[in-house]
Amino acid sequence: MTGVKLYDELAEWWPVFSDPLEYRREAAHIARVLRKATSPAPRTVLELGSGGGNSAFHLKAYFAMTLVDRSPRMLKVSRKLNPECEHIKGDIRVVRLGRTFDAVFVHDAICHMTTESDLGAVMLTAYEHCRPGGVALFVPDFVRETFVAGTDLGGSDSPGRRLRFLQWIFDPDPNDNTYWVDFAILLRNQKGEARVAHDRHVLGLFPRAQWLRMLRGVGLKAAVVRNDEVRELFFGRRPLRSPEGPNTSMPLDRERRRATRYP
C-alpha cells in the first residue's frame, strides 16, 4: 500500500508540509472558473478529496463548502483550518450524500485514481451530486500529454514542528497509466529530535482524450479549461434534463472499489 504516511500517521504535520498560502493563486483561478460557469454563480460547492483543507481555505470566501475525505486525521486538520465548513468522512468513489450542489470540485486527490474503474467512479460521484445545470471541476496534476518528471523541495516551520521534504516525480513505465512520486521527509520536533520518513505515491496518468470520453460517459458535457499559468482543468456540466441518467455501463465494480484503498 502506498501514499499513506502523509494522510495518516503524518497528518498532524500537514500544516508545515503544505502551507495554505501556496494554494492562493490556483484557488483564485478555480473560483473564477466556477463563478463564471453558471448564472447565477454557484453558492454551494462539494469538494471531493478535500485533504487538509488548503483549497477550501480560499474557496470558502466565495462558496458554502462541504468537504469530503476518507482520512479522519486529515479531516481533523481541515476542521481546525476551516471550522465554518461542513466535513464528512467518505470514500469519494462511493459516497452518496443524498443531496446535490451547484458545483463539485475535485483537486489533486483525483490523481490517486490509478485505474479507469476508480476514475470513472469519482466522475459518477461528481455527476450524482451536481444539480441539473450544475458543474464539476477536476484538477489533476498531469495528463499523459503534460507529464514532466522532476524534483521539488518544500516544507516550513511552526512553533512546535519543523519539516523539509524532497519530492521526486518520475514515470518508471511510460506505457501504463501511472507515475510515481517519492517523498523523502525530514521531521524535527520541538525538542530538536529529527527523523526521516519515505512515502511513495503511485498516481494515475491518463490521456486528455480519455478524460473527456469518460466524463461524457457518465453524462457530463465535458471540456478542457486551459490557462498558461495554472495546470489545465477538466470541466463537466450536468444537463438540465437527463432522461436516461448517467451511463452506468462503465466498469464501476463497487465491491472492488471498496477493497481498493487510496489515501
Protein backbone atom coordinates (compact mmCIF):
# COMPACT_ATOMS: atom_id res chain seq x y z
CA MET A 1 0.00 0.00 0.00
CA THR A 2 1.43 3.40 -0.99
CA GLY A 3 0.95 7.01 -0.17
CA VAL A 4 -0.48 6.57 3.34
CA LYS A 5 2.01 8.28 5.65
CA LEU A 6 1.23 11.86 4.63
CA TYR A 7 -2.51 11.39 5.07
CA ASP A 8 -2.45 9.16 8.11
CA GLU A 9 0.43 8.92 10.57
CA LEU A 10 1.97 12.22 9.39
CA ALA A 11 -1.30 14.12 9.00
CA GLU A 12 -0.61 16.29 12.04
CA TRP A 13 2.48 17.56 10.21
CA TRP A 14 0.42 18.67 7.19
CA PRO A 15 0.31 22.38 8.13
CA VAL A 16 4.14 22.57 7.89
CA PHE A 17 4.28 20.24 4.89
CA SER A 18 1.80 22.25 2.80
CA ASP A 19 1.09 25.91 3.55
CA PRO A 20 -2.44 27.08 2.57
CA LEU A 21 -0.93 30.28 1.17
CA GLU A 22 0.70 28.22 -1.60
CA TYR A 23 -2.81 27.47 -2.91
CA ARG A 24 -3.94 31.07 -3.14
CA ARG A 25 -3.29 31.77 -6.83
CA GLU A 26 -4.67 28.48 -8.07
CA ALA A 27 -7.72 28.74 -5.81
CA ALA A 28 -8.43 32.22 -7.18
CA HIS A 29 -8.36 30.80 -10.71
CA ILE A 30 -10.67 27.94 -9.72
CA ALA A 31 -13.06 30.38 -8.06
CA ARG A 32 -13.18 32.47 -11.26
CA VAL A 33 -13.91 29.39 -13.38
CA LEU A 34 -16.70 28.26 -11.06
CA ARG A 35 -18.25 31.70 -10.71
CA LYS A 36 -18.42 32.11 -14.49
CA ALA A 37 -19.75 28.59 -15.00
CA THR A 38 -23.38 29.16 -14.05
CA SER A 39 -25.79 32.05 -13.76
CA PRO A 40 -26.37 32.86 -11.00
CA ALA A 41 -22.89 31.97 -9.72
CA PRO A 42 -22.63 28.78 -7.65
CA ARG A 43 -23.45 29.12 -3.98
CA THR A 44 -22.87 25.57 -2.73
CA VAL A 45 -19.73 23.58 -3.59
CA LEU A 46 -18.88 20.00 -2.70
CA GLU A 47 -15.15 19.24 -2.59
CA LEU A 48 -14.30 15.56 -3.00
CA GLY A 49 -10.95 14.51 -1.52
CA SER A 50 -10.51 17.76 0.43
CA GLY A 51 -7.45 16.61 2.40
CA GLY A 52 -6.11 19.19 4.84
CA GLY A 53 -8.49 21.85 3.51
CA ASN A 54 -5.95 24.14 1.83
CA SER A 55 -8.09 24.79 -1.26
CA ALA A 56 -11.21 25.27 0.86
CA PHE A 57 -9.33 27.82 2.98
CA HIS A 58 -9.53 30.18 -0.02
CA LEU A 59 -12.70 28.97 -1.74
CA LYS A 60 -14.88 29.36 1.36
CA ALA A 61 -14.75 33.13 0.82
CA TYR A 62 -16.91 32.61 -2.29
CA PHE A 63 -18.91 29.44 -1.65
CA ALA A 64 -20.56 27.40 1.09
CA MET A 65 -18.14 24.45 1.13
CA THR A 66 -18.90 20.83 2.04
CA LEU A 67 -15.71 18.80 2.34
CA VAL A 68 -15.42 15.02 1.94
CA ASP A 69 -12.29 12.98 2.63
CA ARG A 70 -11.66 9.40 3.72
CA SER A 71 -8.88 10.24 6.21
CA PRO A 72 -10.14 11.13 9.70
CA ARG A 73 -6.78 12.68 10.54
CA MET A 74 -6.80 14.95 7.50
CA LEU A 75 -10.37 15.97 8.27
CA LYS A 76 -9.23 16.91 11.78
CA VAL A 77 -6.54 19.18 10.28
CA SER A 78 -9.09 20.72 7.91
CA ARG A 79 -11.67 21.32 10.66
CA LYS A 80 -9.09 23.36 12.56
CA LEU A 81 -8.31 25.42 9.44
CA ASN A 82 -11.93 25.65 8.19
CA PRO A 83 -14.26 25.40 11.20
CA GLU A 84 -17.10 27.02 9.30
CA CYS A 85 -17.17 24.29 6.63
CA GLU A 86 -19.12 21.03 6.78
CA HIS A 87 -16.80 18.00 6.95
CA ILE A 88 -17.84 14.44 6.06
CA LYS A 89 -15.79 11.25 6.16
CA GLY A 90 -16.29 9.24 2.97
CA ASP A 91 -14.69 7.41 0.07
CA ILE A 92 -15.11 9.69 -2.94
CA ARG A 93 -15.64 6.71 -5.24
CA VAL A 94 -18.81 5.57 -3.50
CA VAL A 95 -20.02 8.30 -1.13
CA ARG A 96 -23.61 9.43 -1.66
CA LEU A 97 -24.84 12.34 0.46
CA GLY A 98 -28.44 12.34 -0.74
CA ARG A 99 -28.34 15.94 -1.94
CA THR A 100 -26.97 17.98 -4.82
CA PHE A 101 -24.76 21.06 -5.09
CA ASP A 102 -24.29 23.91 -7.52
CA ALA A 103 -20.76 22.67 -8.21
CA VAL A 104 -18.49 19.75 -7.38
CA PHE A 105 -14.75 20.29 -7.14
CA VAL A 106 -12.04 17.62 -7.12
CA HIS A 107 -8.48 18.86 -6.70
CA ASP A 108 -5.40 16.65 -6.98
CA ALA A 109 -6.99 13.87 -4.90
CA ILE A 110 -8.20 12.67 -8.30
CA CYS A 111 -4.60 11.67 -9.06
CA HIS A 112 -4.93 8.79 -6.58
CA MET A 113 -7.30 7.10 -9.02
CA THR A 114 -4.95 4.76 -10.88
CA THR A 115 -7.50 2.68 -12.82
CA GLU A 116 -10.21 3.60 -15.29
CA SER A 117 -12.72 1.99 -12.94
CA ASP A 118 -11.78 4.20 -9.99
CA LEU A 119 -11.51 7.36 -12.09
CA GLY A 120 -14.93 6.69 -13.56
CA ALA A 121 -16.34 6.07 -10.09
CA VAL A 122 -15.29 9.52 -8.89
CA MET A 123 -16.72 11.09 -12.02
CA LEU A 124 -20.01 9.34 -11.33
CA THR A 125 -19.95 10.59 -7.72
CA ALA A 126 -19.49 14.11 -9.05
CA TYR A 127 -22.35 13.68 -11.52
CA GLU A 128 -24.70 12.36 -8.84
CA HIS A 129 -24.01 15.36 -6.59
CA CYS A 130 -24.36 18.05 -9.29
CA ARG A 131 -27.74 19.68 -9.53
CA PRO A 132 -29.19 19.76 -13.07
CA GLY A 133 -27.29 22.57 -14.76
CA GLY A 134 -24.54 22.35 -12.16
CA VAL A 135 -20.87 21.81 -12.91
CA ALA A 136 -17.99 19.56 -11.89
CA LEU A 137 -14.36 20.64 -11.99
CA PHE A 138 -11.41 18.22 -11.84
CA VAL A 139 -7.79 19.33 -11.35
CA PRO A 140 -5.26 16.53 -11.97
CA ASP A 141 -1.57 17.30 -11.59
CA PHE A 142 -0.90 15.92 -15.07
CA VAL A 143 -2.48 14.26 -18.06
CA ARG A 144 -0.32 11.95 -20.16
CA GLU A 145 0.41 14.78 -22.63
CA THR A 146 1.58 17.24 -19.97
CA PHE A 147 3.58 14.94 -17.70
CA VAL A 148 7.01 16.27 -16.71
CA ALA A 149 9.39 14.38 -14.44
CA GLY A 150 11.35 16.37 -11.91
CA THR A 151 12.15 17.22 -8.33
CA ASP A 152 10.98 19.84 -5.87
CA LEU A 153 11.76 20.97 -2.33
CA GLY A 154 9.42 22.23 0.35
CA GLY A 155 8.46 22.46 3.98
CA SER A 156 8.19 25.10 6.66
CA ASP A 157 8.34 25.69 10.42
CA SER A 158 5.82 26.16 13.20
CA PRO A 159 6.47 26.75 16.92
CA GLY A 160 6.41 23.02 17.62
CA ARG A 161 7.39 21.38 14.33
CA ARG A 162 9.89 21.77 11.51
CA LEU A 163 9.69 19.85 8.26
CA ARG A 164 11.59 19.71 4.98
CA PHE A 165 10.98 17.39 2.05
CA LEU A 166 12.33 16.37 -1.31
CA GLN A 167 9.73 15.38 -3.90
CA TRP A 168 10.82 13.23 -6.84
CA ILE A 169 8.36 12.77 -9.71
CA PHE A 170 9.09 10.11 -12.30
CA ASP A 171 7.42 7.58 -14.57
CA PRO A 172 9.01 4.13 -14.48
CA ASP A 173 6.80 2.82 -17.30
CA PRO A 174 5.53 5.30 -19.92
CA ASN A 175 3.32 2.57 -21.36
CA ASP A 176 1.00 2.28 -18.37
CA ASN A 177 -1.44 4.69 -16.67
CA THR A 178 0.58 5.53 -13.57
CA TYR A 179 3.55 7.53 -12.38
CA TRP A 180 5.36 7.69 -9.05
CA VAL A 181 6.03 10.48 -6.57
CA ASP A 182 8.55 9.69 -3.84
CA PHE A 183 8.79 11.95 -0.81
CA ALA A 184 11.84 11.98 1.43
CA ILE A 185 10.67 13.86 4.53
CA LEU A 186 12.82 15.15 7.39
CA LEU A 187 10.82 15.93 10.54
CA ARG A 188 12.15 17.77 13.59
CA ASN A 189 10.09 18.02 16.78
CA GLN A 190 10.04 20.69 19.49
CA LYS A 191 12.95 19.00 21.29
CA GLY A 192 15.08 19.22 18.15
CA GLU A 193 14.94 15.48 17.52
CA ALA A 194 14.88 14.56 13.83
CA ARG A 195 13.67 11.53 11.89
CA VAL A 196 13.25 10.67 8.24
CA ALA A 197 10.18 9.21 6.51
CA HIS A 198 9.78 7.92 2.97
CA ASP A 199 6.37 7.93 1.31
CA ARG A 200 5.72 6.70 -2.25
CA HIS A 201 2.57 7.71 -4.08
CA VAL A 202 1.52 5.78 -7.18
CA LEU A 203 -0.74 8.13 -9.13
CA GLY A 204 -2.94 7.92 -12.19
CA LEU A 205 -1.90 9.31 -15.57
CA PHE A 206 -4.49 9.26 -18.36
CA PRO A 207 -4.59 10.87 -21.81
CA ARG A 208 -6.65 14.01 -22.25
CA ALA A 209 -8.98 12.30 -24.72
CA GLN A 210 -9.70 9.55 -22.21
CA TRP A 211 -10.62 12.10 -19.55
CA LEU A 212 -13.09 13.74 -21.92
CA ARG A 213 -14.53 10.44 -23.10
CA MET A 214 -15.08 9.22 -19.54
CA LEU A 215 -16.67 12.47 -18.39
CA ARG A 216 -19.12 12.26 -21.26
CA GLY A 217 -19.68 8.62 -20.42
CA VAL A 218 -21.13 9.47 -17.00
CA GLY A 219 -23.40 12.10 -18.52
CA LEU A 220 -21.41 15.34 -18.19
CA LYS A 221 -20.88 17.78 -21.05
CA ALA A 222 -17.09 17.94 -20.94
CA ALA A 223 -14.43 20.47 -21.89
CA VAL A 224 -10.85 21.42 -21.03
CA VAL A 225 -10.10 24.75 -19.35
CA ARG A 226 -6.56 25.89 -20.08
CA ASN A 227 -4.51 28.66 -18.53
CA ASP A 228 -0.86 29.45 -19.20
CA GLU A 229 -0.06 29.86 -15.51
CA VAL A 230 -2.24 27.15 -13.97
CA ARG A 231 -2.50 23.46 -14.92
CA GLU A 232 -5.40 22.59 -17.19
CA LEU A 233 -8.75 21.71 -15.65
CA PHE A 234 -11.47 19.32 -16.77
CA PHE A 235 -14.92 20.86 -16.72
CA GLY A 236 -18.21 19.00 -16.88
CA ARG A 237 -21.75 20.32 -16.86
CA ARG A 238 -24.73 18.20 -15.88
CA PRO A 239 -27.54 18.75 -18.41
CA LEU A 240 -30.71 20.41 -17.17
CA ARG A 241 -32.59 17.31 -18.19
CA SER A 242 -31.06 13.83 -18.22
CA PRO A 243 -33.88 11.47 -19.19
CA GLU A 244 -31.58 8.48 -19.48
CA GLY A 245 -29.47 9.25 -16.38
CA PRO A 246 -25.73 8.62 -16.16
CA ASN A 247 -24.07 5.86 -18.13
CA THR A 248 -23.78 3.10 -15.54
CA SER A 249 -22.33 0.61 -18.02
CA MET A 250 -18.81 1.78 -17.18
CA PRO A 251 -16.72 -0.70 -15.18
CA LEU A 252 -17.56 0.50 -11.67
CA ASP A 253 -17.32 -2.71 -9.65
CA ARG A 254 -18.49 -1.46 -6.21
CA GLU A 255 -17.02 -4.25 -4.12
CA ARG A 256 -13.66 -3.96 -5.86
CA ARG A 257 -13.72 -0.20 -5.30
CA ARG A 258 -14.36 -0.71 -1.62
CA ALA A 259 -11.41 -3.07 -1.39
CA THR A 260 -9.00 -0.77 -3.27
CA ARG A 261 -7.66 1.84 -0.83
CA TYR A 262 -6.28 5.22 -1.65
CA PRO A 263 -5.13 7.93 0.77
